[in-house]
């Protein structure tokens, strides 16, 4: 899923990234590699999943290479 240059995550995605990390990533990104990574990290431990999800939702440019968006 490609985001527009001026993308800002919704409040719902941010809240879900804290409460249910995979759901927050799903709202912001849809089902894909980032969602699966968030799901696995959350299963391994809540804190790693939450941290990854917040980074994925709030700083989308960090994972551009994982989405296939190479500069």
Protein backbone atom coordinates (compact mmCIF):
# COMPACT_ATOMS: atom_id res chain seq x y z
CA UNK A 1 0.00 0.00 0.00
CA UNK A 2 1.49 3.32 -1.06
CA UNK A 3 0.82 6.37 1.07
CA UNK A 4 0.41 9.90 -0.18
CA UNK A 5 3.35 12.24 0.59
CA UNK A 6 1.33 14.26 3.14
CA UNK A 7 -0.12 11.22 4.93
CA UNK A 8 -0.99 11.59 8.62
CA UNK A 9 -2.30 8.59 10.55
CA UNK A 10 -5.74 8.79 12.08
CA UNK A 11 -6.26 8.89 15.81
CA UNK A 12 -7.91 5.47 15.62
CA UNK A 13 -4.81 3.89 14.06
CA UNK A 14 -2.57 5.40 16.74
CA UNK A 15 -4.83 4.28 19.61
CA UNK A 16 -5.09 0.78 18.12
CA UNK A 17 -1.31 0.64 17.69
CA UNK A 18 -1.04 1.05 21.46
CA UNK A 19 -3.95 -1.15 22.56
CA UNK A 20 -3.90 -3.85 19.83
CA UNK A 21 -0.71 -3.36 17.81
CA UNK A 22 -1.54 -5.53 14.76
CA UNK A 23 -4.91 -3.79 14.39
CA UNK A 24 -3.23 -0.38 14.30
CA UNK A 25 -0.89 -1.52 11.53
CA UNK A 26 -3.80 -3.08 9.65
CA UNK A 27 -5.75 0.20 9.80
CA UNK A 28 -2.77 2.19 8.52
CA UNK A 29 -1.24 -0.31 6.07
CA UNK A 30 -3.66 -3.11 5.37
CA UNK A 31 -2.64 -6.77 5.41
CA UNK A 32 0.96 -7.16 4.33
CA UNK A 33 4.46 -7.77 5.58
CA UNK A 34 4.34 -5.04 8.23
CA UNK A 35 1.08 -6.45 9.60
CA UNK A 36 2.57 -9.95 9.83
CA UNK A 37 5.70 -8.69 11.57
CA UNK A 38 3.55 -6.76 14.03
CA UNK A 39 1.43 -9.85 14.68
CA UNK A 40 4.47 -12.06 15.35
CA UNK A 41 6.16 -9.47 17.59
CA UNK A 42 2.95 -8.99 19.56
CA UNK A 43 2.64 -12.76 20.05
CA UNK A 44 6.23 -12.88 21.30
CA UNK A 45 5.72 -9.94 23.65
CA UNK A 46 3.33 -7.02 23.89
CA UNK A 47 6.00 -4.30 24.20
CA UNK A 48 7.98 -5.22 21.04
CA UNK A 49 4.76 -5.42 19.03
CA UNK A 50 3.56 -2.06 20.33
CA UNK A 51 6.88 -0.33 19.64
CA UNK A 52 7.07 -1.74 16.10
CA UNK A 53 3.44 -0.81 15.41
CA UNK A 54 3.87 2.76 16.63
CA UNK A 55 6.93 3.19 14.42
CA UNK A 56 5.08 1.68 11.44
CA UNK A 57 2.07 3.96 11.94
CA UNK A 58 3.81 7.21 12.93
CA UNK A 59 6.98 7.02 10.77
CA UNK A 60 5.95 5.34 7.54
CA UNK A 61 9.14 6.31 5.67
CA UNK A 62 11.22 4.02 7.92
CA UNK A 63 9.80 0.89 6.28
CA UNK A 64 9.66 2.04 2.64
CA UNK A 65 12.13 -0.68 1.62
CA UNK A 66 9.88 -3.37 3.11
CA UNK A 67 6.95 -2.07 1.08
CA UNK A 68 8.92 -2.13 -2.14
CA UNK A 69 9.15 1.68 -2.38
CA UNK A 70 12.82 2.15 -3.15
CA UNK A 71 14.09 5.72 -3.70
